[in-house]
Amino acid sequence: MKLWHKIFISMFVIFTITFNAGVFYITSYSYNFNRERERENAIREQQMIQSSIESRITTAETLFPNVANTNFMLGSILGSLLDFYEPQGVLLALFYENGSILLYDMPSITSDNPLLIFESDLQKNTMEETINNKRHIVVASILPEYPHLTFVYARDISQIDDFRADISRVFVFVNVIVLIFLGISVYLLLRHIIKPITNMKTTVAEIADGAYNKRVVINSHDELGALANSFNRMADSVEENMIQLTKVSEEKQQFIDDLTHEIKTPLTSILGYSEYLQFAKYTENERIIATGYLYETAMRLNTLSDKLLDLTYSRDENIEIKSLDTRILFEDLTAMVLPVLAPRNIKLNTSVDLPEITGDETLLLAMLSNLVENAARASTDSSSITVKAYIEKYPIIEVSDNGCGMEQKDVERIMSPFYRVDKSRSRMFGGVGLGLSIVSQIATLHGAKVNVISVPNIGTTVKICFTSS
């Protein structure tokens, strides 16, 4: 069952129960109120008629003594009252003290009826009785001036039963009309309220099917609007994460493809020269040349292995952060890169305007050596490379060269593993395209940013900005 069906049925049932309970209460209250009013009117009218009867008997006794004990005389005096009140639905009766009937118009009232039992002369007894198939309210009391006489008064109150039946029929009709109107109104209202939820459901299904750019459009400032905004923020986060995951997946796949290519080429050379040395007839000079190629290819694989280990190590977040003497760090760097720079007569110039720097010594040396080696590959023989440490708002280490430089499109990609601007130059000097990727990883672990400024045929400057220091 759909949500709006549940709400519709619940509201319909609740309203029906509440409305009918209210109708029942109003009808019952009105009925009881009218019945009590009829009772009070009956008591008043009975008292009035009783006073009239006593007055007539008293007047008649001035002319005819003992009228109160004479059936004929009492019947003559009271007959006119019966004729007057009968059309009004009022019945009258007189009983003697001994229970005999003097004047009687109520078949269901007998002398042994509890209505005719009194504890005092001033007591008035009331009860409801069905007379001639109509409900009456009956009032009985002793005539104070003539205590041997009991006056019984009955008033037709069947009209209030008719009123209750009529009002019930009216309420049933109103109930049907109101329920029909309510059903239509609630249906339209719920469809309008549920529509944003339906739209959200559709959007969720589309996102689940891969349409991560879909968003919920609900122009309201209520809870549904807040829910839609929260959902859209969640969808933005999901889309961003999916883009990142896709990018990472593509980068990993590209990394694997590039690594496979990098390994395949030297392995092919090793297999080829190994087979040559194993089966071919060759001179000593040819053997030396072949083994030289094998050695260079093996060294290339060794370099690739070292770089991959550096890259793996740089991703380990458990680094040892401590304060380092920048001058000593640069001295260790100079000693480390000397075997790379000396054969080509490339000079390394250092400038220290930053006494100390915070970081992991091993990782910082790996990062700087990769930058210097990368600068050396882009530089000509007998040129120079400069490494500086200084402060501009935050500590900065800068490595610059006067080499071949790069185009902007290459600058944007050089941090990717195995990417090489000039593949022939990189292969010539043993590069495998992992140096700047390692630099980027180490900088990230230190909360630093890598800024690369390069101009073709002018040179390249790489700045490591330790913004978190």
Protein backbone atom coordinates (compact mmCIF):
# COMPACT_ATOMS: atom_id res chain seq x y z
CA MET A 1 0.00 0.00 0.00
CA LYS A 2 1.35 3.41 -0.97
CA LEU A 3 2.03 6.11 1.61
CA TRP A 4 -0.69 8.43 0.40
CA HIS A 5 -3.18 5.53 0.50
CA LYS A 6 -2.33 4.95 4.16
CA ILE A 7 -2.66 8.65 4.97
CA PHE A 8 -5.93 8.92 3.05
CA ILE A 9 -7.51 5.91 4.73
CA SER A 10 -6.25 6.97 8.18
CA MET A 11 -7.58 10.51 7.83
CA PHE A 12 -10.88 9.24 6.40
CA VAL A 13 -11.40 6.75 9.24
CA ILE A 14 -10.36 9.23 11.94
CA PHE A 15 -12.64 11.94 10.57
CA THR A 16 -15.56 9.53 10.17
CA ILE A 17 -15.22 8.29 13.76
CA THR A 18 -14.74 11.80 15.14
CA PHE A 19 -17.55 13.35 13.12
CA ASN A 20 -20.05 10.62 13.97
CA ALA A 21 -19.02 10.68 17.63
CA GLY A 22 -19.63 14.43 17.60
CA VAL A 23 -23.00 13.97 15.87
CA PHE A 24 -23.99 11.30 18.41
CA TYR A 25 -23.00 13.55 21.30
CA ILE A 26 -24.84 16.58 19.91
CA THR A 27 -27.95 14.53 19.12
CA SER A 28 -27.94 12.87 22.55
CA TYR A 29 -27.31 16.16 24.32
CA SER A 30 -30.09 17.88 22.37
CA TYR A 31 -32.48 14.99 23.01
CA ASN A 32 -31.75 14.87 26.74
CA PHE A 33 -32.00 18.64 26.98
CA ASN A 34 -35.41 18.69 25.26
CA ARG A 35 -36.64 15.78 27.37
CA GLU A 36 -35.60 17.54 30.57
CA ARG A 37 -37.25 20.72 29.38
CA GLU A 38 -40.44 18.77 28.62
CA ARG A 39 -40.29 17.29 32.11
CA GLU A 40 -39.93 20.72 33.69
CA ASN A 41 -42.77 22.07 31.54
CA ALA A 42 -44.91 19.09 32.49
CA ILE A 43 -44.32 19.69 36.20
CA ARG A 44 -45.18 23.36 35.85
CA GLU A 45 -48.30 22.68 33.77
CA GLN A 46 -49.38 19.89 36.13
CA GLN A 47 -49.04 22.29 39.04
CA MET A 48 -51.05 24.92 37.17
CA ILE A 49 -53.86 22.48 36.30
CA GLN A 50 -53.80 21.13 39.85
CA SER A 51 -54.26 24.64 41.23
CA SER A 52 -57.12 25.21 38.78
CA ILE A 53 -58.79 21.96 39.90
CA GLU A 54 -58.49 22.91 43.57
CA SER A 55 -59.83 26.38 42.82
CA ARG A 56 -62.85 25.00 40.95
CA ILE A 57 -63.64 22.49 43.71
CA THR A 58 -63.39 25.21 46.37
CA THR A 59 -65.68 27.52 44.36
CA ALA A 60 -68.22 24.74 43.79
CA GLU A 61 -68.28 23.84 47.50
CA THR A 62 -69.63 27.31 48.34
CA LEU A 63 -72.79 26.27 46.52
CA PHE A 64 -72.74 22.50 46.83
CA PRO A 65 -71.06 21.16 49.97
CA ASN A 66 -69.16 17.84 49.73
CA VAL A 67 -68.36 18.32 46.04
CA ALA A 68 -64.88 16.81 46.57
CA ASN A 69 -66.49 13.49 47.43
CA THR A 70 -69.16 13.42 44.73
CA ASN A 71 -68.20 11.69 41.48
CA PHE A 72 -70.88 13.40 39.44
CA MET A 73 -70.00 16.86 40.62
CA LEU A 74 -66.25 16.38 40.19
CA GLY A 75 -66.80 14.93 36.73
CA SER A 76 -68.92 17.93 35.78
CA ILE A 77 -66.31 20.37 37.10
CA LEU A 78 -63.29 18.63 35.52
CA GLY A 79 -64.81 17.45 32.22
CA SER A 80 -64.15 20.76 30.53
CA LEU A 81 -60.44 20.48 31.43
CA LEU A 82 -60.23 17.11 29.71
CA ASP A 83 -61.82 18.48 26.56
CA PHE A 84 -59.47 21.49 26.57
CA TYR A 85 -56.18 19.68 27.09
CA GLU A 86 -56.76 16.50 25.11
CA PRO A 87 -56.13 18.15 21.69
CA GLN A 88 -52.82 19.40 23.14
CA GLY A 89 -51.69 15.84 23.84
CA VAL A 90 -52.35 16.16 27.56
CA LEU A 91 -54.18 13.45 29.50
CA LEU A 92 -55.68 13.89 33.01
CA ALA A 93 -56.83 11.51 35.74
CA LEU A 94 -58.09 11.68 39.37
CA PHE A 95 -57.78 8.86 41.87
CA TYR A 96 -59.43 8.55 45.27
CA GLU A 97 -57.33 7.74 48.28
CA ASN A 98 -58.62 4.19 48.28
CA GLY A 99 -57.39 3.74 44.69
CA SER A 100 -60.72 3.98 42.92
CA ILE A 101 -60.81 5.91 39.71
CA LEU A 102 -62.72 9.14 39.54
CA LEU A 103 -61.70 10.58 36.21
CA TYR A 104 -59.59 8.44 33.94
CA ASP A 105 -58.02 8.78 30.51
CA MET A 106 -54.83 6.67 30.95
CA PRO A 107 -55.31 2.94 30.42
CA SER A 108 -51.76 2.02 31.49
CA ILE A 109 -51.89 3.83 34.84
CA THR A 110 -53.45 1.62 37.54
CA SER A 111 -54.00 2.19 41.23
CA ASP A 112 -51.01 0.00 42.18
CA ASN A 113 -48.58 1.95 40.02
CA PRO A 114 -45.49 3.22 41.98
CA LEU A 115 -46.33 6.63 40.56
CA LEU A 116 -49.27 6.83 43.01
CA ILE A 117 -47.20 6.09 46.11
CA PHE A 118 -46.16 9.21 48.05
CA GLU A 119 -44.10 9.76 51.15
CA SER A 120 -45.51 13.24 51.75
CA ASP A 121 -48.44 15.32 50.56
CA LEU A 122 -46.10 17.76 48.76
CA GLN A 123 -44.24 15.10 46.77
CA LYS A 124 -44.47 15.02 42.97
CA ASN A 125 -43.68 11.75 41.20
CA THR A 126 -42.60 11.69 37.54
CA MET A 127 -42.06 8.87 35.09
CA GLU A 128 -42.14 8.14 31.35
CA GLU A 129 -44.88 5.85 30.16
CA THR A 130 -46.12 4.65 26.78
CA ILE A 131 -49.80 5.51 26.43
CA ASN A 132 -51.74 4.81 23.24
CA ASN A 133 -48.43 3.88 21.52
CA LYS A 134 -46.97 7.28 22.32
CA ARG A 135 -44.44 8.14 24.93
CA HIS A 136 -45.68 10.46 27.66
CA ILE A 137 -44.15 12.07 30.69
CA VAL A 138 -46.44 11.51 33.65
CA VAL A 139 -46.59 13.70 36.78
CA ALA A 140 -48.65 12.77 39.85
CA SER A 141 -49.25 14.55 43.17
CA ILE A 142 -51.78 14.77 45.99
CA LEU A 143 -54.08 17.80 46.02
CA PRO A 144 -52.94 19.63 49.19
CA GLU A 145 -56.47 21.00 49.89
CA TYR A 146 -58.05 17.61 49.27
CA PRO A 147 -55.53 14.95 50.29
CA HIS A 148 -57.92 12.12 49.52
CA LEU A 149 -57.55 13.02 45.81
CA THR A 150 -54.50 12.25 43.60
CA PHE A 151 -54.10 14.21 40.39
CA VAL A 152 -52.24 12.55 37.49
CA TYR A 153 -51.04 14.51 34.49
CA ALA A 154 -49.57 12.97 31.28
CA ARG A 155 -48.00 14.98 28.46
CA ASP A 156 -47.19 13.59 25.01
CA ILE A 157 -43.44 13.90 24.37
CA SER A 158 -43.25 11.66 21.32
CA GLN A 159 -42.34 14.74 19.29
CA ILE A 160 -38.86 14.79 20.76
CA ASP A 161 -38.38 11.18 19.58
CA ASP A 162 -39.57 12.30 16.16
CA PHE A 163 -37.16 15.22 16.35
CA ARG A 164 -34.28 12.91 17.22
CA ALA A 165 -35.15 10.63 14.30
CA ASP A 166 -35.41 13.64 11.94
CA ILE A 167 -32.14 15.17 13.11
CA SER A 168 -30.44 11.78 12.82
CA ARG A 169 -31.60 11.48 9.22
CA VAL A 170 -30.33 14.99 8.52
CA PHE A 171 -26.98 14.19 10.08
CA VAL A 172 -26.72 10.97 8.06
CA PHE A 173 -27.30 12.98 4.88
CA VAL A 174 -24.81 15.65 5.99
CA ASN A 175 -22.36 12.91 6.96
CA VAL A 176 -22.50 11.41 3.47
CA ILE A 177 -22.08 14.81 1.79
CA VAL A 178 -19.22 15.83 4.09
CA LEU A 179 -17.43 12.50 3.68
CA ILE A 180 -17.68 12.72 -0.11
CA PHE A 181 -16.36 16.29 -0.04
CA LEU A 182 -13.66 15.33 2.46
CA GLY A 183 -12.63 12.31 0.40
CA ILE A 184 -12.23 14.38 -2.78
CA SER A 185 -10.46 17.23 -0.94
CA VAL A 186 -8.07 14.98 0.96
CA TYR A 187 -7.32 12.97 -2.20
CA LEU A 188 -6.41 16.11 -4.16
CA LEU A 189 -4.48 17.58 -1.22
CA LEU A 190 -2.52 14.38 -0.63
CA ARG A 191 -1.68 14.01 -4.30
CA HIS A 192 -0.39 17.58 -4.23
CA ILE A 193 1.61 16.99 -1.03
CA ILE A 194 2.93 13.59 -2.11
CA LYS A 195 3.93 14.80 -5.60
CA PRO A 196 7.37 16.10 -4.41
CA ILE A 197 8.01 12.75 -2.71
CA THR A 198 7.04 10.97 -5.94
CA ASN A 199 9.46 13.20 -7.87
CA MET A 200 12.15 12.46 -5.29
CA LYS A 201 11.49 8.74 -5.64
CA THR A 202 11.89 9.01 -9.43
CA THR A 203 15.12 10.97 -9.04
CA VAL A 204 16.49 8.45 -6.52
CA ALA A 205 15.74 5.62 -8.96
CA GLU A 206 17.52 7.50 -11.77
CA ILE A 207 20.56 8.13 -9.55
CA ALA A 208 20.55 4.46 -8.53
CA ASP A 209 20.65 3.59 -12.25
CA GLY A 210 23.75 5.74 -12.72
CA ALA A 211 22.37 9.21 -13.58
CA TYR A 212 24.41 10.93 -10.85
CA ASN A 213 23.76 14.40 -12.30
CA LYS A 214 20.03 14.22 -11.53
CA ARG A 215 18.68 16.49 -8.76
CA VAL A 216 15.37 16.94 -6.95
CA VAL A 217 13.51 20.17 -7.78
CA ILE A 218 11.11 21.16 -4.96
CA ASN A 219 10.29 24.85 -4.60
CA SER A 220 9.05 24.94 -1.02
CA HIS A 221 10.31 26.08 2.37
CA ASP A 222 8.78 23.31 4.46
CA GLU A 223 10.23 20.01 5.64
CA LEU A 224 10.01 18.53 2.14
CA GLY A 225 12.02 21.46 0.78
CA ALA A 226 14.65 20.94 3.50
CA LEU A 227 14.69 17.21 2.74
CA ALA A 228 15.14 17.92 -0.98
CA ASN A 229 18.05 20.29 -0.26
CA SER A 230 19.69 17.71 2.00
CA PHE A 231 19.15 15.03 -0.62
CA ASN A 232 20.67 17.23 -3.35
CA ARG A 233 23.70 17.88 -1.15
CA MET A 234 24.02 14.15 -0.62
CA ALA A 235 23.67 13.59 -4.39
CA ASP A 236 26.39 16.22 -5.01
CA SER A 237 28.65 14.39 -2.58
CA VAL A 238 27.85 11.03 -4.20
CA GLU A 239 28.50 12.42 -7.68
CA GLU A 240 31.76 14.00 -6.55
CA ASN A 241 32.86 10.77 -4.89
CA MET A 242 31.92 8.78 -7.99
CA ILE A 243 33.91 11.17 -10.15
CA GLN A 244 36.85 10.81 -7.78
CA LEU A 245 36.52 7.02 -7.72
CA THR A 246 36.29 6.93 -11.49
CA LYS A 247 39.31 9.16 -11.76
CA VAL A 248 41.26 7.05 -9.26
CA SER A 249 40.21 3.90 -11.07
CA GLU A 250 41.32 5.35 -14.40
CA GLU A 251 44.58 6.51 -12.87
CA LYS A 252 45.19 3.07 -11.38
CA GLN A 253 44.44 1.43 -14.68
CA GLN A 254 46.70 3.91 -16.46
CA PHE A 255 49.37 3.24 -13.83
CA ILE A 256 49.09 -0.50 -14.43
CA ASP A 257 49.18 -0.03 -18.20
CA ASP A 258 52.21 2.25 -17.99
CA LEU A 259 53.98 -0.03 -15.52
CA THR A 260 53.33 -3.02 -17.78
CA HIS A 261 54.75 -1.09 -20.72
CA GLU A 262 57.77 0.07 -18.71
CA ILE A 263 58.57 -3.47 -17.58
CA LYS A 264 57.81 -5.12 -20.92
CA THR A 265 60.37 -3.10 -22.89
CA PRO A 266 63.44 -3.93 -20.75
CA LEU A 267 62.27 -7.52 -20.27
CA THR A 268 62.07 -7.90 -24.04
CA SER A 269 65.62 -6.60 -24.31
CA ILE A 270 66.85 -8.90 -21.55
CA LEU A 271 65.19 -11.94 -23.14
CA GLY A 272 66.52 -11.02 -26.58
CA TYR A 273 70.14 -10.49 -25.48
CA SER A 274 70.01 -13.54 -23.19
CA GLU A 275 68.87 -15.70 -26.08
CA TYR A 276 71.56 -14.13 -28.27
CA LEU A 277 74.29 -14.92 -25.73
CA GLN A 278 72.95 -18.42 -25.25
CA PHE A 279 72.58 -19.59 -28.83
CA ALA A 280 74.43 -17.22 -31.21
CA LYS A 281 78.04 -17.31 -32.28
CA TYR A 282 79.63 -13.98 -31.40
CA THR A 283 82.96 -12.35 -30.97
CA GLU A 284 84.35 -11.08 -27.68
CA ASN A 285 83.52 -7.52 -28.68
CA GLU A 286 79.94 -8.49 -29.49
CA ARG A 287 79.69 -10.28 -26.11
CA ILE A 288 80.86 -7.15 -24.30
CA ILE A 289 78.30 -5.05 -26.17
CA ALA A 290 75.49 -7.53 -25.45
CA THR A 291 76.34 -7.84 -21.77
CA GLY A 292 76.54 -4.03 -21.59
CA TYR A 293 73.01 -3.77 -22.90
CA LEU A 294 71.90 -6.43 -20.42
CA TYR A 295 73.50 -4.45 -17.57
CA GLU A 296 71.90 -1.15 -18.65
CA THR A 297 68.50 -2.81 -18.99
CA ALA A 298 68.83 -4.49 -15.58
CA MET A 299 69.85 -1.16 -14.02
CA ARG A 300 66.78 0.42 -15.60
CA LEU A 301 64.59 -2.25 -14.00
CA ASN A 302 66.42 -1.68 -10.70
CA THR A 303 65.78 2.06 -10.92
CA LEU A 304 62.12 1.40 -11.68
CA SER A 305 61.91 -0.91 -8.67
CA ASP A 306 63.53 1.70 -6.38
CA LYS A 307 61.15 4.40 -7.57
CA LEU A 308 58.14 2.17 -7.04
CA LEU A 309 59.36 1.44 -3.50
CA ASP A 310 59.80 5.19 -2.91
CA LEU A 311 56.29 5.79 -4.21
CA THR A 312 54.89 3.08 -1.93
CA TYR A 313 56.80 4.40 1.07
CA SER A 314 55.65 7.95 0.40
CA ARG A 315 52.04 6.82 0.74
CA ASP A 316 52.64 5.60 4.28
CA GLU A 317 51.07 8.24 6.51
CA ASN A 318 53.03 7.13 9.59
CA ILE A 319 55.83 9.63 9.00
CA GLU A 320 58.25 10.97 11.57
CA ILE A 321 57.79 14.74 11.81
CA LYS A 322 60.59 16.65 13.53
CA SER A 323 62.48 19.91 13.26
CA LEU A 324 65.39 19.69 10.79
CA ASP A 325 68.39 21.93 10.20
CA THR A 326 67.86 23.16 6.65
CA ARG A 327 71.57 23.67 5.96
CA ILE A 328 72.44 20.09 6.95
CA LEU A 329 69.48 18.84 4.89
CA PHE A 330 70.85 20.60 1.80
CA GLU A 331 74.36 19.26 2.46
CA ASP A 332 72.98 15.71 2.57
CA LEU A 333 71.08 16.44 -0.64
CA THR A 334 74.23 17.64 -2.39
CA ALA A 335 76.08 14.48 -1.44
CA MET A 336 73.16 12.33 -2.59
CA VAL A 337 72.79 13.83 -6.09
CA LEU A 338 76.48 14.32 -6.80
CA PRO A 339 76.80 10.97 -8.68
CA VAL A 340 74.01 12.09 -11.00
CA LEU A 341 75.25 15.66 -11.61
CA ALA A 342 79.05 15.18 -11.71
CA PRO A 343 79.27 13.13 -14.96
CA ARG A 344 77.49 15.96 -16.78
CA ASN A 345 79.32 18.76 -14.97
CA ILE A 346 76.01 20.18 -13.65
CA LYS A 347 76.48 22.46 -10.65
CA LEU A 348 74.07 22.47 -7.66
CA ASN A 349 73.71 25.88 -6.01
CA THR A 350 72.02 26.06 -2.57
CA SER A 351 70.66 29.06 -0.70
CA VAL A 352 69.38 28.82 2.88
CA ASP A 353 67.32 31.68 4.37
CA LEU A 354 65.29 29.28 6.47
CA PRO A 355 67.17 27.92 9.51
CA GLU A 356 64.80 25.06 10.26
CA ILE A 357 62.07 23.12 8.54
CA THR A 358 59.64 20.57 9.98
CA GLY A 359 59.18 17.20 8.33
CA ASP A 360 60.38 13.64 7.80
CA GLU A 361 64.08 13.78 6.88
CA THR A 362 64.11 10.65 4.71
CA LEU A 363 61.02 11.70 2.74
CA LEU A 364 62.20 15.29 2.29
CA LEU A 365 65.55 14.09 0.93
CA ALA A 366 63.72 11.70 -1.44
CA MET A 367 61.49 14.55 -2.60
CA LEU A 368 64.35 17.00 -3.18
CA SER A 369 66.57 14.41 -4.89
CA ASN A 370 63.75 13.56 -7.29
CA LEU A 371 63.30 17.27 -8.07
CA VAL A 372 67.01 17.75 -8.67
CA GLU A 373 67.27 14.60 -10.83
CA ASN A 374 64.24 15.73 -12.83
CA ALA A 375 65.82 19.18 -13.29
CA ALA A 376 69.05 17.54 -14.41
CA ARG A 377 67.24 15.59 -17.13
CA ALA A 378 65.80 18.83 -18.47
CA SER A 379 69.14 20.68 -18.31
CA THR A 380 72.09 20.72 -20.63
CA ASP A 381 75.60 19.68 -19.63
CA SER A 382 77.64 22.24 -17.65
CA SER A 383 74.49 24.08 -16.56
CA SER A 384 73.36 24.75 -12.99
CA ILE A 385 70.44 23.89 -10.71
CA THR A 386 69.43 26.06 -7.74
CA VAL A 387 67.82 24.88 -4.50
CA LYS A 388 66.52 27.58 -2.11
CA ALA A 389 64.82 27.61 1.29
CA TYR A 390 63.09 30.79 2.47
CA ILE A 391 59.89 32.15 4.02
CA GLU A 392 57.02 34.03 2.30
CA LYS A 393 54.08 33.81 4.77
CA TYR A 394 55.06 30.14 5.11
CA PRO A 395 58.22 28.05 4.51
CA ILE A 396 59.10 27.37 0.87
CA ILE A 397 61.69 25.11 -0.76
CA GLU A 398 62.36 25.98 -4.40
CA VAL A 399 64.17 23.98 -7.07
CA SER A 400 64.83 25.76 -10.37
CA ASP A 401 66.74 25.06 -13.58
CA ASN A 402 67.48 26.74 -16.88
CA GLY A 403 66.58 23.73 -18.97
CA CYS A 404 64.16 23.06 -21.78
CA GLY A 405 60.99 23.94 -19.85
CA MET A 406 57.48 22.64 -20.59
CA GLU A 407 54.22 23.62 -22.18
CA GLN A 408 51.29 24.34 -19.86
CA LYS A 409 49.51 21.14 -20.95
CA ASP A 410 52.53 19.17 -19.76
CA VAL A 411 52.68 21.08 -16.45
CA GLU A 412 49.13 19.95 -15.68
CA ARG A 413 50.04 16.27 -16.09
CA ILE A 414 53.58 15.90 -14.82
CA MET A 415 52.46 14.70 -11.37
CA SER A 416 50.87 11.59 -12.92
CA PRO A 417 52.88 8.37 -12.59
CA PHE A 418 54.97 7.43 -15.68
CA TYR A 419 54.16 10.70 -17.47
CA ARG A 420 57.23 12.03 -19.32
CA VAL A 421 57.39 15.27 -21.28
CA ASP A 422 60.27 14.07 -23.48
CA LYS A 423 60.36 10.27 -23.43
CA SER A 424 63.59 10.00 -25.39
CA ARG A 425 65.39 12.35 -22.98
CA SER A 426 63.98 10.50 -19.95
CA ARG A 427 65.11 7.14 -21.27
CA MET A 428 68.51 8.57 -22.12
CA PHE A 429 69.08 9.61 -18.50
CA GLY A 430 67.32 6.68 -16.83
CA GLY A 431 64.04 8.37 -16.00
CA VAL A 432 60.93 6.26 -15.47
CA GLY A 433 58.34 9.03 -15.00
CA LEU A 434 57.75 8.47 -11.27
CA GLY A 435 59.83 11.26 -9.73
CA LEU A 436 57.25 14.04 -9.66
CA SER A 437 54.53 11.61 -8.61
CA ILE A 438 56.68 10.77 -5.58
CA VAL A 439 57.22 14.50 -4.96
CA SER A 440 53.46 15.11 -4.98
CA GLN A 441 52.82 12.25 -2.54
CA ILE A 442 55.50 13.43 -0.08
CA ALA A 443 54.30 17.04 -0.26
CA THR A 444 50.74 15.95 0.52
CA LEU A 445 51.92 14.00 3.58
CA HIS A 446 53.61 17.18 4.83
CA GLY A 447 50.54 19.34 4.20
CA ALA A 448 52.41 21.17 1.44
CA LYS A 449 51.42 22.27 -2.04
CA VAL A 450 53.47 21.86 -5.22
CA ASN A 451 53.51 24.82 -7.59
CA VAL A 452 55.21 24.38 -10.96
CA ILE A 453 56.15 27.35 -13.14
CA SER A 454 57.70 26.48 -16.49
CA VAL A 455 58.45 28.31 -19.71
CA PRO A 456 59.64 26.44 -22.84
CA ASN A 457 63.34 26.98 -23.57
CA ILE A 458 63.65 29.15 -20.40
CA GLY A 459 63.47 26.73 -17.53
CA THR A 460 61.31 25.33 -14.73
CA THR A 461 60.78 26.32 -11.09
CA VAL A 462 59.13 23.98 -8.61
CA LYS A 463 58.01 25.44 -5.27
CA ILE A 464 57.11 23.27 -2.29
CA CYS A 465 54.94 25.53 -0.09
CA PHE A 466 54.54 24.21 3.48
CA THR A 467 51.22 25.98 4.10
CA SER A 468 50.40 23.93 7.22
CA SER A 469 53.57 24.94 9.06
